[in-house]
N, C-alpha and C. Protein backbone atom coordinates (compact mmCIF):
# COMPACT_ATOMS: atom_id res chain seq x y z
N MET A 1 101.32 105.41 102.10
CA MET A 1 100.60 105.44 100.84
C MET A 1 100.36 106.89 100.41
N VAL A 2 100.68 107.18 99.18
CA VAL A 2 100.45 108.52 98.63
C VAL A 2 98.98 108.76 98.37
N GLN A 3 98.51 109.95 98.73
CA GLN A 3 97.11 110.36 98.43
C GLN A 3 97.13 111.26 97.23
N VAL A 4 96.34 110.89 96.25
CA VAL A 4 96.25 111.68 95.02
C VAL A 4 94.78 112.01 94.69
N ALA A 5 94.54 113.27 94.36
CA ALA A 5 93.21 113.71 94.06
C ALA A 5 93.18 114.24 92.65
N ILE A 6 92.11 113.87 91.93
CA ILE A 6 91.84 114.37 90.59
C ILE A 6 90.55 115.23 90.64
N LEU A 7 90.65 116.44 90.17
CA LEU A 7 89.52 117.35 90.18
C LEU A 7 88.78 117.24 88.86
N ALA A 8 87.61 116.64 88.88
CA ALA A 8 86.91 116.34 87.64
C ALA A 8 85.43 116.56 87.72
N ALA A 9 85.02 117.61 88.50
CA ALA A 9 83.58 117.87 88.71
C ALA A 9 82.97 118.78 87.66
N GLY A 10 83.83 119.54 86.97
CA GLY A 10 83.33 120.61 86.06
C GLY A 10 82.66 120.09 84.83
N MET A 11 81.95 121.10 84.19
CA MET A 11 81.19 120.74 82.98
C MET A 11 82.00 120.80 81.71
N GLY A 12 83.11 121.49 81.73
CA GLY A 12 84.00 121.56 80.55
C GLY A 12 83.30 122.06 79.33
N THR A 13 82.52 123.17 79.49
CA THR A 13 81.72 123.67 78.38
C THR A 13 82.51 124.19 77.18
N ARG A 14 83.75 124.67 77.45
CA ARG A 14 84.56 125.22 76.37
C ARG A 14 84.98 124.17 75.33
N LEU A 15 85.04 122.89 75.76
CA LEU A 15 85.40 121.87 74.81
C LEU A 15 84.17 121.34 74.04
N GLY A 16 82.99 121.75 74.54
CA GLY A 16 81.75 121.47 73.81
C GLY A 16 81.39 119.96 73.65
N GLN A 17 81.62 119.18 74.69
CA GLN A 17 81.29 117.78 74.66
C GLN A 17 80.08 117.45 75.57
N PRO A 18 79.36 116.40 75.28
CA PRO A 18 78.21 116.05 76.15
C PRO A 18 78.56 115.15 77.29
N PHE A 19 79.88 115.01 77.63
CA PHE A 19 80.32 114.15 78.70
C PHE A 19 81.40 114.87 79.47
N PRO A 20 81.79 114.37 80.69
CA PRO A 20 82.85 115.07 81.44
C PRO A 20 84.14 115.19 80.65
N LYS A 21 84.80 116.33 80.72
CA LYS A 21 86.03 116.54 79.92
C LYS A 21 87.09 115.52 80.26
N SER A 22 87.15 115.04 81.44
CA SER A 22 88.15 114.02 81.86
C SER A 22 87.98 112.71 81.07
N LEU A 23 86.79 112.52 80.49
CA LEU A 23 86.58 111.28 79.74
C LEU A 23 86.78 111.50 78.22
N THR A 24 87.43 112.62 77.87
CA THR A 24 87.74 112.88 76.48
C THR A 24 88.75 111.84 75.95
N PRO A 25 88.43 111.23 74.84
CA PRO A 25 89.40 110.22 74.28
C PRO A 25 90.66 110.86 73.74
N LEU A 26 91.79 110.20 73.96
CA LEU A 26 93.03 110.59 73.34
C LEU A 26 93.29 109.68 72.15
N ARG A 27 94.29 109.97 71.36
CA ARG A 27 94.45 109.26 70.10
C ARG A 27 94.92 107.81 70.32
N ASP A 28 95.40 107.53 71.56
CA ASP A 28 95.86 106.16 71.82
C ASP A 28 94.72 105.27 72.35
N GLY A 29 93.49 105.81 72.42
CA GLY A 29 92.34 105.09 72.85
C GLY A 29 92.02 105.29 74.30
N ARG A 30 92.92 105.80 75.09
CA ARG A 30 92.64 106.09 76.44
C ARG A 30 91.92 107.42 76.60
N THR A 31 91.26 107.63 77.74
CA THR A 31 90.70 108.89 78.02
C THR A 31 91.75 109.74 78.83
N ILE A 32 91.54 111.01 78.99
CA ILE A 32 92.43 111.85 79.77
C ILE A 32 92.60 111.27 81.21
N MET A 33 91.49 110.86 81.78
CA MET A 33 91.57 110.34 83.15
C MET A 33 92.26 108.99 83.18
N SER A 34 92.02 108.15 82.18
CA SER A 34 92.69 106.82 82.17
C SER A 34 94.22 107.04 82.06
N GLN A 35 94.63 107.98 81.30
CA GLN A 35 96.05 108.38 81.20
C GLN A 35 96.57 108.82 82.55
N GLN A 36 95.76 109.58 83.30
CA GLN A 36 96.21 110.06 84.62
C GLN A 36 96.33 108.86 85.52
N PHE A 37 95.37 107.97 85.61
CA PHE A 37 95.47 106.78 86.44
C PHE A 37 96.71 105.96 86.07
N ALA A 38 96.96 105.81 84.78
CA ALA A 38 98.15 105.01 84.39
C ALA A 38 99.43 105.72 84.85
N ASN A 39 99.50 107.04 84.73
CA ASN A 39 100.66 107.77 85.20
C ASN A 39 100.84 107.62 86.67
N ILE A 40 99.81 107.68 87.47
CA ILE A 40 99.89 107.53 88.91
C ILE A 40 100.40 106.13 89.24
N ALA A 41 99.84 105.07 88.56
CA ALA A 41 100.27 103.69 88.85
C ALA A 41 101.70 103.50 88.39
N ALA A 42 102.16 104.22 87.39
CA ALA A 42 103.55 104.01 86.92
C ALA A 42 104.58 104.55 87.91
N GLU A 43 104.20 105.55 88.70
CA GLU A 43 105.15 106.23 89.58
C GLU A 43 105.00 105.89 91.08
N PHE A 44 103.84 105.37 91.46
CA PHE A 44 103.64 105.09 92.88
C PHE A 44 103.17 103.62 93.06
N ASP A 45 103.90 102.92 93.91
CA ASP A 45 103.52 101.49 94.15
C ASP A 45 102.15 101.41 94.79
N GLN A 46 101.89 102.31 95.67
CA GLN A 46 100.56 102.35 96.32
C GLN A 46 100.06 103.81 96.38
N ALA A 47 98.85 103.97 95.90
CA ALA A 47 98.29 105.32 95.93
C ALA A 47 96.79 105.27 96.18
N GLN A 48 96.30 106.06 97.09
CA GLN A 48 94.86 106.24 97.30
C GLN A 48 94.40 107.33 96.37
N VAL A 49 93.59 107.03 95.41
CA VAL A 49 93.13 108.07 94.44
C VAL A 49 91.73 108.50 94.77
N TYR A 50 91.57 109.78 94.94
CA TYR A 50 90.28 110.38 95.13
C TYR A 50 89.89 111.13 93.84
N VAL A 51 88.66 111.05 93.43
CA VAL A 51 88.19 111.78 92.30
C VAL A 51 87.03 112.63 92.69
N VAL A 52 87.09 113.97 92.48
CA VAL A 52 86.00 114.88 92.77
C VAL A 52 85.09 114.87 91.51
N VAL A 53 83.83 114.51 91.68
CA VAL A 53 82.93 114.41 90.59
C VAL A 53 81.71 115.34 90.76
N GLY A 54 81.10 115.61 89.67
CA GLY A 54 79.93 116.44 89.68
C GLY A 54 79.11 116.23 88.41
N PHE A 55 79.43 116.92 87.35
CA PHE A 55 78.77 116.77 86.04
C PHE A 55 78.83 115.30 85.53
N LYS A 56 77.66 114.73 85.32
CA LYS A 56 77.51 113.38 84.78
C LYS A 56 78.47 112.41 85.50
N LEU A 57 78.37 112.47 86.82
CA LEU A 57 79.29 111.67 87.69
C LEU A 57 79.18 110.20 87.41
N GLU A 58 78.01 109.69 87.03
CA GLU A 58 77.86 108.26 86.81
C GLU A 58 78.81 107.71 85.77
N MET A 59 79.14 108.49 84.77
CA MET A 59 80.00 108.06 83.72
C MET A 59 81.42 107.86 84.27
N ILE A 60 81.85 108.75 85.15
CA ILE A 60 83.16 108.59 85.75
C ILE A 60 83.23 107.40 86.74
N LEU A 61 82.15 107.29 87.50
CA LEU A 61 82.08 106.16 88.47
C LEU A 61 82.18 104.87 87.75
N GLU A 62 81.51 104.74 86.61
CA GLU A 62 81.54 103.44 85.84
C GLU A 62 82.89 103.22 85.22
N ALA A 63 83.57 104.29 84.83
CA ALA A 63 84.87 104.15 84.16
C ALA A 63 85.97 103.80 85.14
N HIS A 64 85.88 104.31 86.37
CA HIS A 64 86.96 104.13 87.35
C HIS A 64 86.38 103.74 88.74
N PRO A 65 85.77 102.56 88.83
CA PRO A 65 85.05 102.17 90.02
C PRO A 65 85.92 101.97 91.28
N ARG A 66 87.21 101.89 91.12
CA ARG A 66 88.08 101.61 92.30
C ARG A 66 88.55 102.87 93.03
N ALA A 67 88.25 104.03 92.46
CA ALA A 67 88.62 105.28 93.10
C ALA A 67 87.67 105.58 94.26
N VAL A 68 88.13 106.52 95.14
CA VAL A 68 87.23 107.01 96.19
C VAL A 68 86.66 108.35 95.63
N PHE A 69 85.33 108.42 95.62
CA PHE A 69 84.68 109.57 94.95
C PHE A 69 84.19 110.58 96.00
N VAL A 70 84.45 111.82 95.71
CA VAL A 70 83.98 112.91 96.54
C VAL A 70 83.07 113.83 95.66
N TYR A 71 81.85 114.04 96.10
CA TYR A 71 80.85 114.71 95.28
C TYR A 71 80.80 116.19 95.53
N ASN A 72 80.99 116.98 94.51
CA ASN A 72 80.79 118.42 94.61
C ASN A 72 79.38 118.70 94.07
N GLU A 73 78.42 118.73 94.96
CA GLU A 73 77.02 118.88 94.55
C GLU A 73 76.74 120.29 93.98
N GLU A 74 77.68 121.21 94.11
CA GLU A 74 77.54 122.53 93.55
C GLU A 74 78.44 122.79 92.34
N PHE A 75 78.69 121.67 91.61
CA PHE A 75 79.65 121.70 90.51
C PHE A 75 79.27 122.70 89.43
N ASP A 76 77.98 123.02 89.32
CA ASP A 76 77.54 123.95 88.26
C ASP A 76 77.62 125.41 88.66
N ARG A 77 77.98 125.70 89.88
CA ARG A 77 78.05 127.06 90.35
C ARG A 77 79.27 127.35 91.25
N THR A 78 80.21 126.40 91.28
CA THR A 78 81.48 126.68 92.00
C THR A 78 82.65 126.34 91.11
N ASN A 79 83.82 126.79 91.51
CA ASN A 79 85.07 126.52 90.77
C ASN A 79 85.94 125.56 91.51
N THR A 80 87.21 125.42 91.01
CA THR A 80 88.06 124.36 91.58
C THR A 80 88.43 124.56 93.07
N SER A 81 88.31 125.79 93.55
CA SER A 81 88.60 126.00 95.01
C SER A 81 87.68 125.13 95.88
N LYS A 82 86.41 125.02 95.46
CA LYS A 82 85.47 124.25 96.33
C LYS A 82 85.62 122.73 96.08
N SER A 83 86.03 122.34 94.91
CA SER A 83 86.29 120.95 94.68
C SER A 83 87.52 120.49 95.50
N LEU A 84 88.60 121.30 95.47
CA LEU A 84 89.77 120.94 96.28
C LEU A 84 89.46 121.01 97.74
N TRP A 85 88.70 121.95 98.17
CA TRP A 85 88.29 122.03 99.63
C TRP A 85 87.62 120.75 100.02
N ARG A 86 86.71 120.25 99.22
CA ARG A 86 85.96 119.01 99.57
C ARG A 86 86.89 117.84 99.69
N VAL A 87 87.79 117.69 98.70
CA VAL A 87 88.60 116.47 98.67
C VAL A 87 89.69 116.56 99.78
N LEU A 88 90.28 117.69 100.03
CA LEU A 88 91.25 117.81 101.11
C LEU A 88 90.60 117.53 102.46
N SER A 89 89.36 117.99 102.61
CA SER A 89 88.66 117.77 103.84
C SER A 89 88.31 116.29 104.08
N ALA A 90 88.15 115.59 103.00
CA ALA A 90 87.82 114.15 103.04
C ALA A 90 89.05 113.23 103.07
N SER A 91 90.23 113.77 102.80
CA SER A 91 91.43 112.96 102.76
C SER A 91 91.90 112.51 104.13
N GLY A 92 92.79 111.50 104.10
CA GLY A 92 93.31 111.05 105.36
C GLY A 92 94.44 111.93 105.85
N PRO A 93 95.06 111.60 106.99
CA PRO A 93 96.20 112.39 107.47
C PRO A 93 97.33 112.45 106.45
N GLY A 94 98.04 113.54 106.46
CA GLY A 94 99.18 113.73 105.58
C GLY A 94 98.82 114.53 104.37
N GLY A 95 99.88 114.74 103.51
CA GLY A 95 99.77 115.55 102.35
C GLY A 95 98.93 114.92 101.24
N VAL A 96 98.61 115.76 100.24
CA VAL A 96 97.84 115.27 99.10
C VAL A 96 98.42 115.88 97.81
N LEU A 97 98.67 115.01 96.87
CA LEU A 97 99.03 115.41 95.51
C LEU A 97 97.75 115.52 94.72
N TRP A 98 97.61 116.64 93.97
CA TRP A 98 96.38 116.69 93.21
C TRP A 98 96.66 117.27 91.80
N MET A 99 95.69 117.01 90.91
CA MET A 99 95.80 117.50 89.55
C MET A 99 94.45 117.83 88.97
N ASN A 100 94.35 118.75 88.07
CA ASN A 100 93.14 119.02 87.38
C ASN A 100 92.81 117.83 86.50
N GLY A 101 91.51 117.58 86.35
CA GLY A 101 91.08 116.39 85.60
C GLY A 101 91.22 116.50 84.09
N ASP A 102 91.78 117.61 83.60
CA ASP A 102 91.95 117.77 82.14
C ASP A 102 93.38 117.86 81.70
N VAL A 103 94.33 117.39 82.55
CA VAL A 103 95.76 117.58 82.24
C VAL A 103 96.33 116.25 81.65
N VAL A 104 96.84 116.37 80.46
CA VAL A 104 97.57 115.26 79.78
C VAL A 104 99.04 115.54 80.03
N PHE A 105 99.77 114.62 80.69
CA PHE A 105 101.13 114.96 81.08
C PHE A 105 102.04 113.72 81.09
N ASP A 106 103.31 114.03 81.06
CA ASP A 106 104.38 113.03 81.15
C ASP A 106 104.43 112.46 82.60
N HIS A 107 104.41 111.17 82.73
CA HIS A 107 104.38 110.57 84.08
C HIS A 107 105.67 110.89 84.88
N ARG A 108 106.71 111.32 84.14
CA ARG A 108 107.93 111.65 84.86
C ARG A 108 107.86 112.93 85.70
N ILE A 109 106.75 113.71 85.46
CA ILE A 109 106.54 114.88 86.30
C ILE A 109 106.29 114.41 87.77
N LEU A 110 105.57 113.34 87.92
CA LEU A 110 105.26 112.78 89.25
C LEU A 110 106.58 112.30 89.89
N ASP A 111 107.45 111.71 89.10
CA ASP A 111 108.75 111.27 89.68
C ASP A 111 109.53 112.48 90.14
N ARG A 112 109.46 113.53 89.41
CA ARG A 112 110.20 114.75 89.80
C ARG A 112 109.62 115.34 91.14
N LEU A 113 108.38 115.17 91.37
CA LEU A 113 107.73 115.69 92.58
C LEU A 113 107.99 114.75 93.81
N LYS A 114 108.38 113.52 93.61
CA LYS A 114 108.50 112.55 94.67
C LYS A 114 109.37 113.02 95.83
N PRO A 115 110.56 113.59 95.57
CA PRO A 115 111.38 114.03 96.73
C PRO A 115 110.68 115.08 97.60
N TYR A 116 109.92 115.97 97.00
CA TYR A 116 109.21 116.98 97.78
C TYR A 116 108.09 116.33 98.55
N ILE A 117 107.34 115.39 97.97
CA ILE A 117 106.29 114.65 98.66
C ILE A 117 106.90 113.89 99.85
N GLU A 118 107.99 113.27 99.67
CA GLU A 118 108.63 112.52 100.77
C GLU A 118 109.14 113.45 101.87
N ALA A 119 109.50 114.67 101.47
CA ALA A 119 109.97 115.64 102.45
C ALA A 119 108.84 116.48 103.06
N ASP A 120 107.63 116.23 102.63
CA ASP A 120 106.42 116.96 103.06
C ASP A 120 106.61 118.47 102.77
N GLN A 121 106.99 118.78 101.57
CA GLN A 121 107.16 120.13 101.12
C GLN A 121 106.13 120.49 100.04
N SER A 122 105.32 121.47 100.28
CA SER A 122 104.30 121.88 99.34
C SER A 122 104.94 122.42 98.00
N VAL A 123 104.40 122.01 96.89
CA VAL A 123 104.98 122.44 95.62
C VAL A 123 103.86 122.65 94.59
N VAL A 124 104.19 123.49 93.57
CA VAL A 124 103.41 123.69 92.40
C VAL A 124 104.27 123.36 91.18
N ALA A 125 103.91 122.46 90.34
CA ALA A 125 104.66 122.19 89.12
C ALA A 125 104.44 123.35 88.17
N VAL A 126 105.54 123.88 87.53
CA VAL A 126 105.45 125.02 86.72
C VAL A 126 106.23 124.84 85.42
N ASN A 127 105.80 125.57 84.41
CA ASN A 127 106.47 125.59 83.12
C ASN A 127 107.06 127.02 82.94
N THR A 128 108.31 127.13 82.91
CA THR A 128 108.97 128.41 82.75
C THR A 128 109.22 128.81 81.35
N ALA A 129 108.87 127.96 80.42
CA ALA A 129 109.15 128.24 78.98
C ALA A 129 108.10 129.09 78.33
N THR A 130 106.94 129.23 79.01
CA THR A 130 105.86 129.98 78.40
C THR A 130 105.05 130.75 79.50
N VAL A 131 104.51 131.90 79.12
CA VAL A 131 103.73 132.70 80.05
C VAL A 131 102.56 133.26 79.33
N ALA A 132 101.53 132.42 79.11
CA ALA A 132 100.34 132.87 78.35
C ALA A 132 99.40 133.72 79.25
N GLU A 133 98.73 134.63 78.57
CA GLU A 133 97.89 135.60 79.30
C GLU A 133 96.76 134.92 80.08
N GLU A 134 96.16 133.84 79.51
CA GLU A 134 94.97 133.27 80.12
C GLU A 134 95.32 132.17 81.13
N GLU A 135 96.61 131.92 81.38
CA GLU A 135 97.03 130.83 82.23
C GLU A 135 97.32 131.41 83.66
N VAL A 136 97.34 130.45 84.65
CA VAL A 136 97.74 130.82 85.99
C VAL A 136 99.23 130.97 86.05
N LYS A 137 99.67 132.10 86.56
CA LYS A 137 101.11 132.45 86.50
C LYS A 137 101.61 132.70 87.95
N TYR A 138 102.93 132.82 88.09
CA TYR A 138 103.49 132.97 89.47
C TYR A 138 104.70 133.86 89.53
N THR A 139 104.96 134.35 90.70
CA THR A 139 106.25 135.05 91.05
C THR A 139 106.72 134.39 92.32
N VAL A 140 108.00 134.72 92.72
CA VAL A 140 108.54 134.15 93.93
C VAL A 140 109.11 135.24 94.78
N ASP A 141 109.32 134.91 96.09
CA ASP A 141 109.88 135.87 97.02
C ASP A 141 111.40 135.71 97.04
N GLY A 142 112.08 136.40 97.95
CA GLY A 142 113.54 136.40 98.01
C GLY A 142 114.12 135.03 98.29
N GLU A 143 113.35 134.12 98.84
CA GLU A 143 113.84 132.77 99.20
C GLU A 143 113.51 131.75 98.12
N GLY A 144 112.80 132.17 97.10
CA GLY A 144 112.46 131.29 95.99
C GLY A 144 111.10 130.58 96.17
N PHE A 145 110.34 130.90 97.23
CA PHE A 145 109.03 130.35 97.39
C PHE A 145 108.00 131.20 96.67
N ILE A 146 106.91 130.59 96.29
CA ILE A 146 105.91 131.30 95.53
C ILE A 146 105.30 132.41 96.39
N LYS A 147 105.18 133.57 95.72
CA LYS A 147 104.59 134.79 96.34
C LYS A 147 103.23 135.04 95.80
N GLU A 148 103.10 135.09 94.44
CA GLU A 148 101.81 135.32 93.79
C GLU A 148 101.49 134.14 92.90
N LEU A 149 100.21 133.83 92.83
CA LEU A 149 99.76 132.69 91.99
C LEU A 149 98.36 132.92 91.52
N SER A 150 98.25 133.45 90.29
CA SER A 150 96.90 133.75 89.72
C SER A 150 97.03 134.05 88.23
N LYS A 151 95.93 134.26 87.57
CA LYS A 151 95.93 134.64 86.20
C LYS A 151 96.26 136.13 86.02
N GLN A 152 96.23 136.87 87.11
CA GLN A 152 96.47 138.31 87.01
C GLN A 152 97.92 138.74 87.27
N VAL A 153 98.75 137.76 87.57
CA VAL A 153 100.15 138.12 87.94
C VAL A 153 100.86 138.81 86.81
N ARG A 154 101.57 139.87 87.16
CA ARG A 154 102.45 140.61 86.20
C ARG A 154 103.90 140.22 86.42
N ASP A 155 104.65 140.31 85.33
CA ASP A 155 106.09 139.99 85.35
C ASP A 155 106.29 138.57 85.87
N ALA A 156 105.47 137.69 85.37
CA ALA A 156 105.53 136.27 85.88
C ALA A 156 106.73 135.57 85.40
N LEU A 157 107.11 134.53 86.17
CA LEU A 157 108.25 133.71 85.81
C LEU A 157 107.88 132.45 85.03
N GLY A 158 106.65 132.15 84.96
CA GLY A 158 106.13 130.95 84.28
C GLY A 158 104.68 130.67 84.58
N GLU A 159 104.20 129.47 84.17
CA GLU A 159 102.82 129.09 84.37
C GLU A 159 102.76 127.83 85.28
N ALA A 160 101.72 127.78 86.04
CA ALA A 160 101.35 126.53 86.78
C ALA A 160 100.70 125.58 85.80
N VAL A 161 101.02 124.29 85.91
CA VAL A 161 100.52 123.36 84.92
C VAL A 161 99.31 122.52 85.47
N GLY A 162 98.94 122.75 86.70
CA GLY A 162 97.75 122.00 87.21
C GLY A 162 98.09 120.74 87.97
N ILE A 163 99.33 120.58 88.40
CA ILE A 163 99.75 119.40 89.21
C ILE A 163 100.48 119.95 90.42
N ASN A 164 99.99 119.65 91.62
CA ASN A 164 100.46 120.28 92.84
C ASN A 164 100.45 119.26 94.04
N PHE A 165 101.21 119.68 95.10
CA PHE A 165 101.21 118.89 96.32
C PHE A 165 101.09 119.84 97.52
N ILE A 166 100.16 119.53 98.43
CA ILE A 166 100.08 120.30 99.64
C ILE A 166 100.57 119.38 100.75
N ALA A 167 101.54 119.91 101.51
CA ALA A 167 102.18 119.12 102.61
C ALA A 167 101.16 118.92 103.74
N GLY A 168 101.30 117.86 104.47
CA GLY A 168 100.45 117.62 105.66
C GLY A 168 100.44 118.77 106.60
N LYS A 169 101.61 119.38 106.83
CA LYS A 169 101.73 120.49 107.78
C LYS A 169 100.98 121.76 107.31
N ASP A 170 100.73 121.85 106.00
CA ASP A 170 100.06 123.04 105.44
C ASP A 170 98.61 122.77 105.11
N LYS A 171 98.13 121.56 105.19
CA LYS A 171 96.86 121.21 104.64
C LYS A 171 95.72 121.92 105.33
N GLN A 172 95.73 121.96 106.65
CA GLN A 172 94.60 122.61 107.38
C GLN A 172 94.48 124.11 107.06
N ALA A 173 95.65 124.74 106.90
CA ALA A 173 95.58 126.16 106.52
C ALA A 173 94.98 126.32 105.16
N LEU A 174 95.36 125.45 104.22
CA LEU A 174 94.77 125.59 102.86
C LEU A 174 93.29 125.24 102.85
N ILE A 175 92.89 124.26 103.62
CA ILE A 175 91.46 123.92 103.72
C ILE A 175 90.66 125.12 104.20
N ALA A 176 91.15 125.79 105.22
CA ALA A 176 90.46 127.01 105.78
C ALA A 176 90.37 128.06 104.70
N ARG A 177 91.42 128.29 103.96
CA ARG A 177 91.42 129.41 102.98
C ARG A 177 90.59 129.08 101.75
N LEU A 178 90.54 127.79 101.37
CA LEU A 178 89.69 127.38 100.27
C LEU A 178 88.22 127.57 100.62
N ALA A 179 87.89 127.32 101.88
CA ALA A 179 86.49 127.53 102.33
C ALA A 179 86.19 129.01 102.34
N GLU A 180 87.17 129.86 102.50
CA GLU A 180 86.97 131.29 102.68
C GLU A 180 86.81 132.05 101.37
N VAL A 181 87.52 131.59 100.33
CA VAL A 181 87.51 132.30 99.08
C VAL A 181 86.12 132.19 98.36
N ASP A 182 85.91 133.04 97.39
CA ASP A 182 84.64 133.09 96.67
C ASP A 182 84.41 131.76 95.95
N ASP A 183 83.15 131.43 95.73
CA ASP A 183 82.79 130.17 95.08
C ASP A 183 83.35 130.00 93.69
N GLN A 184 83.53 131.13 93.02
CA GLN A 184 84.03 131.13 91.61
C GLN A 184 85.57 131.20 91.54
N GLU A 185 86.22 131.19 92.72
CA GLU A 185 87.67 131.30 92.70
C GLU A 185 88.34 129.98 92.33
N TYR A 186 89.42 130.03 91.64
CA TYR A 186 90.25 128.86 91.39
C TYR A 186 91.00 128.46 92.65
N PHE A 187 91.40 127.20 92.77
CA PHE A 187 92.13 126.77 93.98
C PHE A 187 93.41 127.55 94.23
N GLU A 188 94.01 128.11 93.17
CA GLU A 188 95.20 128.87 93.31
C GLU A 188 94.93 130.10 94.19
N GLY A 189 93.71 130.62 94.22
CA GLY A 189 93.39 131.72 95.08
C GLY A 189 93.48 131.39 96.58
N GLY A 190 93.14 130.12 96.87
CA GLY A 190 93.28 129.59 98.26
C GLY A 190 94.73 129.39 98.63
N ILE A 191 95.54 128.93 97.71
CA ILE A 191 96.98 128.78 97.95
C ILE A 191 97.61 130.16 98.18
N GLU A 192 97.28 131.10 97.34
CA GLU A 192 97.87 132.45 97.47
C GLU A 192 97.48 133.10 98.78
N LEU A 193 96.21 132.85 99.20
CA LEU A 193 95.78 133.41 100.48
C LEU A 193 96.48 132.75 101.65
N ALA A 194 96.68 131.42 101.56
CA ALA A 194 97.36 130.69 102.65
C ALA A 194 98.83 131.13 102.76
N ILE A 195 99.44 131.42 101.61
CA ILE A 195 100.80 131.98 101.64
C ILE A 195 100.86 133.33 102.31
N ALA A 196 99.91 134.20 101.96
CA ALA A 196 99.95 135.55 102.46
C ALA A 196 99.52 135.60 103.95
N GLN A 197 98.50 134.83 104.32
CA GLN A 197 97.89 134.94 105.63
C GLN A 197 98.47 133.96 106.68
N ASP A 198 98.88 132.77 106.18
CA ASP A 198 99.34 131.75 107.10
C ASP A 198 100.85 131.44 107.01
N GLY A 199 101.47 131.99 106.04
CA GLY A 199 102.92 131.84 105.87
C GLY A 199 103.36 130.48 105.36
N ILE A 200 102.45 129.71 104.72
CA ILE A 200 102.91 128.44 104.18
C ILE A 200 103.91 128.73 103.09
N GLN A 201 104.84 127.77 102.90
CA GLN A 201 105.89 127.97 101.91
C GLN A 201 105.75 126.91 100.81
N VAL A 202 105.53 127.43 99.60
CA VAL A 202 105.25 126.56 98.45
C VAL A 202 106.30 126.80 97.39
N LEU A 203 107.03 125.72 96.99
CA LEU A 203 108.07 125.81 96.03
C LEU A 203 107.56 125.57 94.63
N PRO A 204 108.03 126.37 93.65
CA PRO A 204 107.75 125.99 92.29
C PRO A 204 108.74 125.00 91.81
N VAL A 205 108.31 123.95 91.16
CA VAL A 205 109.18 122.91 90.60
C VAL A 205 109.08 122.97 89.08
N ASP A 206 110.20 123.21 88.48
CA ASP A 206 110.24 123.41 86.98
C ASP A 206 110.14 122.06 86.28
N ILE A 207 109.12 121.93 85.44
CA ILE A 207 108.95 120.67 84.64
C ILE A 207 108.95 121.01 83.18
N SER A 208 109.55 122.18 82.78
CA SER A 208 109.50 122.67 81.45
C SER A 208 109.97 121.71 80.38
N ASP A 209 110.88 120.80 80.74
CA ASP A 209 111.38 119.84 79.79
C ASP A 209 110.49 118.63 79.56
N LEU A 210 109.38 118.59 80.29
CA LEU A 210 108.42 117.50 80.21
C LEU A 210 107.05 118.13 79.79
N TYR A 211 106.22 117.35 79.13
CA TYR A 211 105.01 117.94 78.63
C TYR A 211 103.87 117.86 79.65
N ALA A 212 103.06 118.88 79.67
CA ALA A 212 101.84 118.95 80.45
C ALA A 212 100.90 119.91 79.75
N VAL A 213 99.75 119.36 79.32
CA VAL A 213 98.84 120.15 78.54
C VAL A 213 97.45 120.17 79.18
N GLU A 214 96.92 121.30 79.63
CA GLU A 214 95.54 121.38 80.14
C GLU A 214 94.64 121.54 78.92
N VAL A 215 93.66 120.61 78.85
CA VAL A 215 92.78 120.60 77.65
C VAL A 215 91.53 121.39 77.93
N ASP A 216 91.49 122.67 77.47
CA ASP A 216 90.35 123.49 77.56
C ASP A 216 89.59 123.63 76.22
N PHE A 217 90.38 123.63 75.13
CA PHE A 217 89.83 123.86 73.80
C PHE A 217 90.29 122.75 72.88
N ALA A 218 89.66 122.68 71.66
CA ALA A 218 90.03 121.66 70.69
C ALA A 218 91.49 121.73 70.32
N GLU A 219 92.04 122.89 70.23
CA GLU A 219 93.46 123.01 69.86
C GLU A 219 94.37 122.49 70.95
N ASP A 220 93.92 122.58 72.21
CA ASP A 220 94.67 122.01 73.33
C ASP A 220 94.73 120.49 73.17
N LEU A 221 93.59 119.89 72.80
CA LEU A 221 93.50 118.46 72.62
C LEU A 221 94.42 117.98 71.48
N GLU A 222 94.51 118.76 70.45
CA GLU A 222 95.37 118.45 69.31
C GLU A 222 96.85 118.50 69.83
N ARG A 223 97.15 119.51 70.63
CA ARG A 223 98.53 119.63 71.17
C ARG A 223 98.85 118.49 72.12
N ALA A 224 97.87 118.09 72.93
CA ALA A 224 98.13 116.98 73.87
C ALA A 224 98.32 115.68 73.08
N ASN A 225 97.57 115.51 72.06
CA ASN A 225 97.73 114.26 71.27
C ASN A 225 99.05 114.10 70.52
N GLU A 226 99.72 115.27 70.34
CA GLU A 226 101.02 115.18 69.76
C GLU A 226 102.02 114.43 70.64
N HIS A 227 101.74 114.40 71.95
CA HIS A 227 102.64 113.73 72.88
C HIS A 227 102.18 112.27 73.22
N VAL A 228 101.02 111.88 72.68
CA VAL A 228 100.46 110.59 72.99
C VAL A 228 100.75 109.66 71.81
N PRO A 229 101.24 108.42 72.05
CA PRO A 229 101.48 107.53 70.94
C PRO A 229 100.19 107.13 70.23
N GLN A 230 100.26 106.86 68.96
CA GLN A 230 99.07 106.44 68.20
C GLN A 230 98.68 105.04 68.61
N ALA A 231 97.39 104.79 68.60
CA ALA A 231 96.93 103.44 68.95
C ALA A 231 97.40 102.39 67.93
């Protein structure tokens, strides 16, 4: 059974809504999280879905009661590194596929990641068609594995889209590094540290031909809705 985690503890203040960003409605009537659950169900016959909650967690619990919930009680003063640390620590044996709770994406991205999940190979889904200043970017080493992964990367090859898999063999190293990084660090900081300090090998998987939109601002939501069928 595939283990999938959705990071949805944050307050999403930039979108300016009084409810968790993952419950933002799309134009087809689904929420961002409902779309994620549907995509997971479309690609995996069996999946154990964990959701990291924090801000107004009751709303998410009511919307998706069959998930396994992991509470980030410090959601208002920590970043995604600590949410991922909590859910990886709570997960069962083996690797974990995870996504940010604000990503609207083509379900075929998950199909593209399946061979790597089955091979227990850590991956980060990337878009090589754009390299925006405010996004998490990456470079690779001589063997094609990720070398740098942060918003500060120079001469980047593309952007991370917020959908990733950590192999079972690499999970304990990442858990340790996520615990180690600053509370305000993104989970990518833990991955970058595990690459540098523990030698884990993470492949970038190009999904540029498929859509994946992280919804931070109103214009992102408009862009995401362009890919969603009208109700």
